Amino acid sequence: MAQILKFVYALMMFLSFFISVTNGGLFPCKNPTDCPLGLCIRPLKPLCIDFICECDDLRRKKKKIEN
């Protein structure tokens, strides 16, 4: 009985972690200033793409424009 309870507890912990990670990354926005500054790691910058904050590399865009 105790093993079943431990299994159910571990399963609930795993599922709650999975659900929080999958829903945690979406930030609605209307312009780039709505995105939180700590959202991305360097050299990525937060941008508002299709009304959702996403991390994007601005240097990659500059290279693409130059070519």
PDB file of N, CA and C in Angstrom:
ATOM      1  N   MET A   1       0.825  -1.198   0.000  1.00  0.00           N
ATOM      2  CA  MET A   1       0.000   0.000   0.000  1.00  0.00           C
ATOM      3  C   MET A   1       0.867   1.260   0.000  1.00  0.00           C
ATOM      4  N   ALA A   2       1.926   1.231   0.792  1.00  0.00           N
ATOM      5  CA  ALA A   2       2.800   2.400   0.868  1.00  0.00           C
ATOM      6  C   ALA A   2       3.507   2.646  -0.457  1.00  0.00           C
ATOM      7  N   GLN A   3       3.850   1.566  -1.161  1.00  0.00           N
ATOM      8  CA  GLN A   3       4.519   1.720  -2.454  1.00  0.00           C
ATOM      9  C   GLN A   3       3.583   2.357  -3.475  1.00  0.00           C
ATOM     10  N   ILE A   4       2.315   2.003  -3.421  1.00  0.00           N
ATOM     11  CA  ILE A   4       1.339   2.589  -4.346  1.00  0.00           C
ATOM     12  C   ILE A   4       1.193   4.078  -4.067  1.00  0.00           C
ATOM     13  N   LEU A   5       1.120   4.453  -2.802  1.00  0.00           N
ATOM     14  CA  LEU A   5       1.004   5.866  -2.448  1.00  0.00           C
ATOM     15  C   LEU A   5       2.242   6.649  -2.885  1.00  0.00           C
ATOM     16  N   LYS A   6       3.422   6.063  -2.719  1.00  0.00           N
ATOM     17  CA  LYS A   6       4.650   6.726  -3.168  1.00  0.00           C
ATOM     18  C   LYS A   6       4.643   6.905  -4.680  1.00  0.00           C
ATOM     19  N   PHE A   7       4.174   5.880  -5.399  1.00  0.00           N
ATOM     20  CA  PHE A   7       4.109   5.971  -6.854  1.00  0.00           C
ATOM     21  C   PHE A   7       3.136   7.061  -7.293  1.00  0.00           C
ATOM     22  N   VAL A   8       1.970   7.110  -6.679  1.00  0.00           N
ATOM     23  CA  VAL A   8       0.972   8.134  -7.018  1.00  0.00           C
ATOM     24  C   VAL A   8       1.518   9.522  -6.696  1.00  0.00           C
ATOM     25  N   TYR A   9       2.183   9.666  -5.566  1.00  0.00           N
ATOM     26  CA  TYR A   9       2.770  10.949  -5.187  1.00  0.00           C
ATOM     27  C   TYR A   9       3.839  11.376  -6.195  1.00  0.00           C
ATOM     28  N   ALA A  10       4.710  10.449  -6.582  1.00  0.00           N
ATOM     29  CA  ALA A  10       5.760  10.760  -7.559  1.00  0.00           C
ATOM     30  C   ALA A  10       5.153  11.111  -8.910  1.00  0.00           C
ATOM     31  N   LEU A  11       4.107  10.412  -9.313  1.00  0.00           N
ATOM     32  CA  LEU A  11       3.435  10.698 -10.577  1.00  0.00           C
ATOM     33  C   LEU A  11       2.803  12.087 -10.559  1.00  0.00           C
ATOM     34  N   MET A  12       2.177  12.452  -9.456  1.00  0.00           N
ATOM     35  CA  MET A  12       1.580  13.788  -9.345  1.00  0.00           C
ATOM     36  C   MET A  12       2.650  14.870  -9.399  1.00  0.00           C
ATOM     37  N   MET A  13       3.777  14.650  -8.750  1.00  0.00           N
ATOM     38  CA  MET A  13       4.875  15.622  -8.783  1.00  0.00           C
ATOM     39  C   MET A  13       5.396  15.790 -10.206  1.00  0.00           C
ATOM     40  N   PHE A  14       5.600  14.685 -10.903  1.00  0.00           N
ATOM     41  CA  PHE A  14       6.108  14.742 -12.267  1.00  0.00           C
ATOM     42  C   PHE A  14       5.129  15.463 -13.184  1.00  0.00           C
ATOM     43  N   LEU A  15       3.859  15.125 -13.108  1.00  0.00           N
ATOM     44  CA  LEU A  15       2.865  15.755 -13.977  1.00  0.00           C
ATOM     45  C   LEU A  15       2.712  17.242 -13.677  1.00  0.00           C
ATOM     46  N   SER A  16       2.744  17.632 -12.418  1.00  0.00           N
ATOM     47  CA  SER A  16       2.617  19.054 -12.098  1.00  0.00           C
ATOM     48  C   SER A  16       3.827  19.831 -12.605  1.00  0.00           C
ATOM     49  N   PHE A  17       5.017  19.241 -12.522  1.00  0.00           N
ATOM     50  CA  PHE A  17       6.214  19.896 -13.060  1.00  0.00           C
ATOM     51  C   PHE A  17       6.108  20.031 -14.571  1.00  0.00           C
ATOM     52  N   PHE A  18       5.668  18.999 -15.250  1.00  0.00           N
ATOM     53  CA  PHE A  18       5.537  19.022 -16.706  1.00  0.00           C
ATOM     54  C   PHE A  18       4.529  20.076 -17.146  1.00  0.00           C
ATOM     55  N   ILE A  19       3.410  20.171 -16.471  1.00  0.00           N
ATOM     56  CA  ILE A  19       2.378  21.147 -16.830  1.00  0.00           C
ATOM     57  C   ILE A  19       2.871  22.568 -16.582  1.00  0.00           C
ATOM     58  N   SER A  20       3.560  22.807 -15.483  1.00  0.00           N
ATOM     59  CA  SER A  20       4.043  24.161 -15.196  1.00  0.00           C
ATOM     60  C   SER A  20       5.120  24.588 -16.181  1.00  0.00           C
ATOM     61  N   VAL A  21       5.955  23.675 -16.646  1.00  0.00           N
ATOM     62  CA  VAL A  21       7.005  24.020 -17.607  1.00  0.00           C
ATOM     63  C   VAL A  21       6.406  24.319 -18.968  1.00  0.00           C
ATOM     64  N   THR A  22       5.423  23.560 -19.406  1.00  0.00           N
ATOM     65  CA  THR A  22       4.860  23.781 -20.732  1.00  0.00           C
ATOM     66  C   THR A  22       4.036  25.059 -20.795  1.00  0.00           C
ATOM     67  N   ASN A  23       3.417  25.472 -19.699  1.00  0.00           N
ATOM     68  CA  ASN A  23       2.605  26.684 -19.710  1.00  0.00           C
ATOM     69  C   ASN A  23       3.370  27.909 -19.236  1.00  0.00           C
ATOM     70  N   GLY A  24       4.570  27.738 -18.729  1.00  0.00           N
ATOM     71  CA  GLY A  24       5.296  28.836 -18.112  1.00  0.00           C
ATOM     72  C   GLY A  24       5.967  29.790 -19.077  1.00  0.00           C
ATOM     73  N   GLY A  25       6.151  29.434 -20.328  1.00  0.00           N
ATOM     74  CA  GLY A  25       6.948  30.242 -21.228  1.00  0.00           C
ATOM     75  C   GLY A  25       6.183  31.233 -22.074  1.00  0.00           C
ATOM     76  N   LEU A  26       4.888  31.349 -21.941  1.00  0.00           N
ATOM     77  CA  LEU A  26       4.104  32.226 -22.799  1.00  0.00           C
ATOM     78  C   LEU A  26       3.779  33.528 -22.084  1.00  0.00           C
ATOM     79  N   PHE A  27       4.235  34.629 -22.675  1.00  0.00           N
ATOM     80  CA  PHE A  27       3.934  35.957 -22.162  1.00  0.00           C
ATOM     81  C   PHE A  27       3.239  36.737 -23.270  1.00  0.00           C
ATOM     82  N   PRO A  28       1.977  37.114 -23.084  1.00  0.00           N
ATOM     83  CA  PRO A  28       1.301  37.902 -24.116  1.00  0.00           C
ATOM     84  C   PRO A  28       1.882  39.312 -24.188  1.00  0.00           C
ATOM     85  N   CYS A  29       1.899  39.889 -25.393  1.00  0.00           N
ATOM     86  CA  CYS A  29       2.459  41.229 -25.562  1.00  0.00           C
ATOM     87  C   CYS A  29       1.820  41.911 -26.765  1.00  0.00           C
ATOM     88  N   LYS A  30       1.966  43.230 -26.795  1.00  0.00           N
ATOM     89  CA  LYS A  30       1.553  44.024 -27.951  1.00  0.00           C
ATOM     90  C   LYS A  30       2.749  44.676 -28.619  1.00  0.00           C
ATOM     91  N   ASN A  31       3.811  44.936 -27.837  1.00  0.00           N
ATOM     92  CA  ASN A  31       5.062  45.472 -28.380  1.00  0.00           C
ATOM     93  C   ASN A  31       6.219  44.924 -27.546  1.00  0.00           C
ATOM     94  N   PRO A  32       7.461  45.064 -28.018  1.00  0.00           N
ATOM     95  CA  PRO A  32       8.601  44.463 -27.310  1.00  0.00           C
ATOM     96  C   PRO A  32       8.803  44.965 -25.881  1.00  0.00           C
ATOM     97  N   THR A  33       8.312  46.135 -25.554  1.00  0.00           N
ATOM     98  CA  THR A  33       8.490  46.639 -24.189  1.00  0.00           C
ATOM     99  C   THR A  33       7.613  45.897 -23.179  1.00  0.00           C
ATOM    100  N   ASP A  34       6.614  45.160 -23.641  1.00  0.00           N
ATOM    101  CA  ASP A  34       5.765  44.363 -22.753  1.00  0.00           C
ATOM    102  C   ASP A  34       6.464  43.094 -22.267  1.00  0.00           C
ATOM    103  N   CYS A  35       7.540  42.688 -22.935  1.00  0.00           N
ATOM    104  CA  CYS A  35       8.243  41.448 -22.589  1.00  0.00           C
ATOM    105  C   CYS A  35       9.169  41.681 -21.399  1.00  0.00           C
ATOM    106  N   PRO A  36       9.210  40.746 -20.439  1.00  0.00           N
ATOM    107  CA  PRO A  36      10.100  40.906 -19.285  1.00  0.00           C
ATOM    108  C   PRO A  36      11.564  40.821 -19.693  1.00  0.00           C
ATOM    109  N   LEU A  37      12.409  41.612 -19.040  1.00  0.00           N
ATOM    110  CA  LEU A  37      13.823  41.665 -19.406  1.00  0.00           C
ATOM    111  C   LEU A  37      14.552  40.367 -19.077  1.00  0.00           C
ATOM    112  N   GLY A  38      14.176  39.670 -18.040  1.00  0.00           N
ATOM    113  CA  GLY A  38      14.856  38.447 -17.642  1.00  0.00           C
ATOM    114  C   GLY A  38      14.374  37.205 -18.372  1.00  0.00           C
ATOM    115  N   LEU A  39      13.593  37.372 -19.418  1.00  0.00           N
ATOM    116  CA  LEU A  39      13.037  36.233 -20.140  1.00  0.00           C
ATOM    117  C   LEU A  39      14.104  35.448 -20.890  1.00  0.00           C
ATOM    118  N   CYS A  40      15.079  36.139 -21.461  1.00  0.00           N
ATOM    119  CA  CYS A  40      16.058  35.506 -22.349  1.00  0.00           C
ATOM    120  C   CYS A  40      17.466  35.575 -21.763  1.00  0.00           C
ATOM    121  N   ILE A  41      18.294  34.627 -22.175  1.00  0.00           N
ATOM    122  CA  ILE A  41      19.704  34.668 -21.816  1.00  0.00           C
ATOM    123  C   ILE A  41      20.467  35.345 -22.944  1.00  0.00           C
ATOM    124  N   ARG A  42      21.649  35.908 -22.611  1.00  0.00           N
ATOM    125  CA  ARG A  42      22.443  36.586 -23.627  1.00  0.00           C
ATOM    126  C   ARG A  42      22.919  35.615 -24.674  1.00  0.00           C
ATOM    127  N   PRO A  43      23.033  35.946 -25.903  1.00  0.00           N
ATOM    128  CA  PRO A  43      22.834  37.208 -26.601  1.00  0.00           C
ATOM    129  C   PRO A  43      21.407  37.391 -27.112  1.00  0.00           C
ATOM    130  N   LEU A  44      20.470  36.565 -26.654  1.00  0.00           N
ATOM    131  CA  LEU A  44      19.093  36.654 -27.125  1.00  0.00           C
ATOM    132  C   LEU A  44      18.381  37.841 -26.492  1.00  0.00           C
ATOM    133  N   LYS A  45      17.466  38.420 -27.235  1.00  0.00           N
ATOM    134  CA  LYS A  45      16.677  39.562 -26.769  1.00  0.00           C
ATOM    135  C   LYS A  45      15.194  39.220 -26.860  1.00  0.00           C
ATOM    136  N   PRO A  46      14.384  39.675 -25.886  1.00  0.00           N
ATOM    137  CA  PRO A  46      12.946  39.417 -25.966  1.00  0.00           C
ATOM    138  C   PRO A  46      12.291  40.297 -27.027  1.00  0.00           C
ATOM    139  N   LEU A  47      11.529  39.667 -27.899  1.00  0.00           N
ATOM    140  CA  LEU A  47      10.795  40.373 -28.941  1.00  0.00           C
ATOM    141  C   LEU A  47       9.340  39.927 -28.911  1.00  0.00           C
ATOM    142  N   CYS A  48       8.466  40.790 -29.391  1.00  0.00           N
ATOM    143  CA  CYS A  48       7.050  40.467 -29.480  1.00  0.00           C
ATOM    144  C   CYS A  48       6.774  39.944 -30.893  1.00  0.00           C
ATOM    145  N   ILE A  49       6.561  38.639 -31.006  1.00  0.00           N
ATOM    146  CA  ILE A  49       6.318  38.005 -32.298  1.00  0.00           C
ATOM    147  C   ILE A  49       4.963  37.314 -32.228  1.00  0.00           C
ATOM    148  N   ASP A  50       4.046  37.719 -33.090  1.00  0.00           N
ATOM    149  CA  ASP A  50       2.684  37.177 -33.110  1.00  0.00           C
ATOM    150  C   ASP A  50       2.007  37.291 -31.746  1.00  0.00           C
ATOM    151  N   PHE A  51       2.203  38.431 -31.081  1.00  0.00           N
ATOM    152  CA  PHE A  51       1.593  38.761 -29.791  1.00  0.00           C
ATOM    153  C   PHE A  51       2.040  37.836 -28.652  1.00  0.00           C
ATOM    154  N   ILE A  52       3.209  37.199 -28.798  1.00  0.00           N
ATOM    155  CA  ILE A  52       3.798  36.369 -27.747  1.00  0.00           C
ATOM    156  C   ILE A  52       5.266  36.740 -27.631  1.00  0.00           C
ATOM    157  N   CYS A  53       5.758  36.901 -26.405  1.00  0.00           N
ATOM    158  CA  CYS A  53       7.173  37.219 -26.196  1.00  0.00           C
ATOM    159  C   CYS A  53       8.019  35.997 -26.522  1.00  0.00           C
ATOM    160  N   GLU A  54       9.014  36.208 -27.388  1.00  0.00           N
ATOM    161  CA  GLU A  54       9.928  35.138 -27.761  1.00  0.00           C
ATOM    162  C   GLU A  54      11.344  35.669 -27.736  1.00  0.00           C
ATOM    163  N   CYS A  55      12.290  34.779 -27.508  1.00  0.00           N
ATOM    164  CA  CYS A  55      13.705  35.148 -27.516  1.00  0.00           C
ATOM    165  C   CYS A  55      14.239  35.009 -28.935  1.00  0.00           C
ATOM    166  N   ASP A  56      14.948  36.040 -29.395  1.00  0.00           N
ATOM    167  CA  ASP A  56      15.482  36.013 -30.750  1.00  0.00           C
ATOM    168  C   ASP A  56      16.866  36.636 -30.758  1.00  0.00           C
ATOM    169  N   ASP A  57      17.716  36.165 -31.652  1.00  0.00           N
ATOM    170  CA  ASP A  57      19.081  36.658 -31.788  1.00  0.00           C
ATOM    171  C   ASP A  57      19.087  37.790 -32.813  1.00  0.00           C
ATOM    172  N   LEU A  58      19.325  39.013 -32.349  1.00  0.00           N
ATOM    173  CA  LEU A  58      19.302  40.167 -33.244  1.00  0.00           C
ATOM    174  C   LEU A  58      20.485  40.159 -34.196  1.00  0.00           C
ATOM    175  N   ARG A  59      21.615  39.590 -33.781  1.00  0.00           N
ATOM    176  CA  ARG A  59      22.785  39.546 -34.660  1.00  0.00           C
ATOM    177  C   ARG A  59      22.519  38.681 -35.882  1.00  0.00           C
ATOM    178  N   ARG A  60      21.754  37.624 -35.714  1.00  0.00           N
ATOM    179  CA  ARG A  60      21.432  36.745 -36.835  1.00  0.00           C
ATOM    180  C   ARG A  60      20.623  37.506 -37.884  1.00  0.00           C
ATOM    181  N   LYS A  61      19.700  38.355 -37.437  1.00  0.00           N
ATOM    182  CA  LYS A  61      18.906  39.145 -38.375  1.00  0.00           C
ATOM    183  C   LYS A  61      19.779  40.135 -39.129  1.00  0.00           C
ATOM    184  N   LYS A  62      20.741  40.757 -38.428  1.00  0.00           N
ATOM    185  CA  LYS A  62      21.628  41.709 -39.094  1.00  0.00           C
ATOM    186  C   LYS A  62      22.460  41.010 -40.158  1.00  0.00           C
ATOM    187  N   LYS A  63      22.954  39.813 -39.878  1.00  0.00           N
ATOM    188  CA  LYS A  63      23.737  39.063 -40.856  1.00  0.00           C
ATOM    189  C   LYS A  63      22.885  38.700 -42.057  1.00  0.00           C
ATOM    190  N   LYS A  64      21.627  38.349 -41.814  1.00  0.00           N
ATOM    191  CA  LYS A  64      20.733  37.971 -42.895  1.00  0.00           C
ATOM    192  C   LYS A  64      20.453  39.176 -43.794  1.00  0.00           C
ATOM    193  N   ILE A  65      20.314  40.362 -43.208  1.00  0.00           N
ATOM    194  CA  ILE A  65      20.049  41.576 -43.982  1.00  0.00           C
ATOM    195  C   ILE A  65      21.267  41.952 -44.817  1.00  0.00           C
ATOM    196  N   GLU A  66      22.466  41.788 -44.253  1.00  0.00           N
ATOM    197  CA  GLU A  66      23.679  42.151 -44.972  1.00  0.00           C
ATOM    198  C   GLU A  66      23.910  41.261 -46.182  1.00  0.00           C
ATOM    199  N   ASN A  67      23.509  39.997 -46.109  1.00  0.00           N
ATOM    200  CA  ASN A  67      23.741  39.065 -47.227  1.00  0.00           C
ATOM    201  C   ASN A  67      22.731  39.264 -48.266  1.00  0.00           C
TER     202      ASN A  67
END
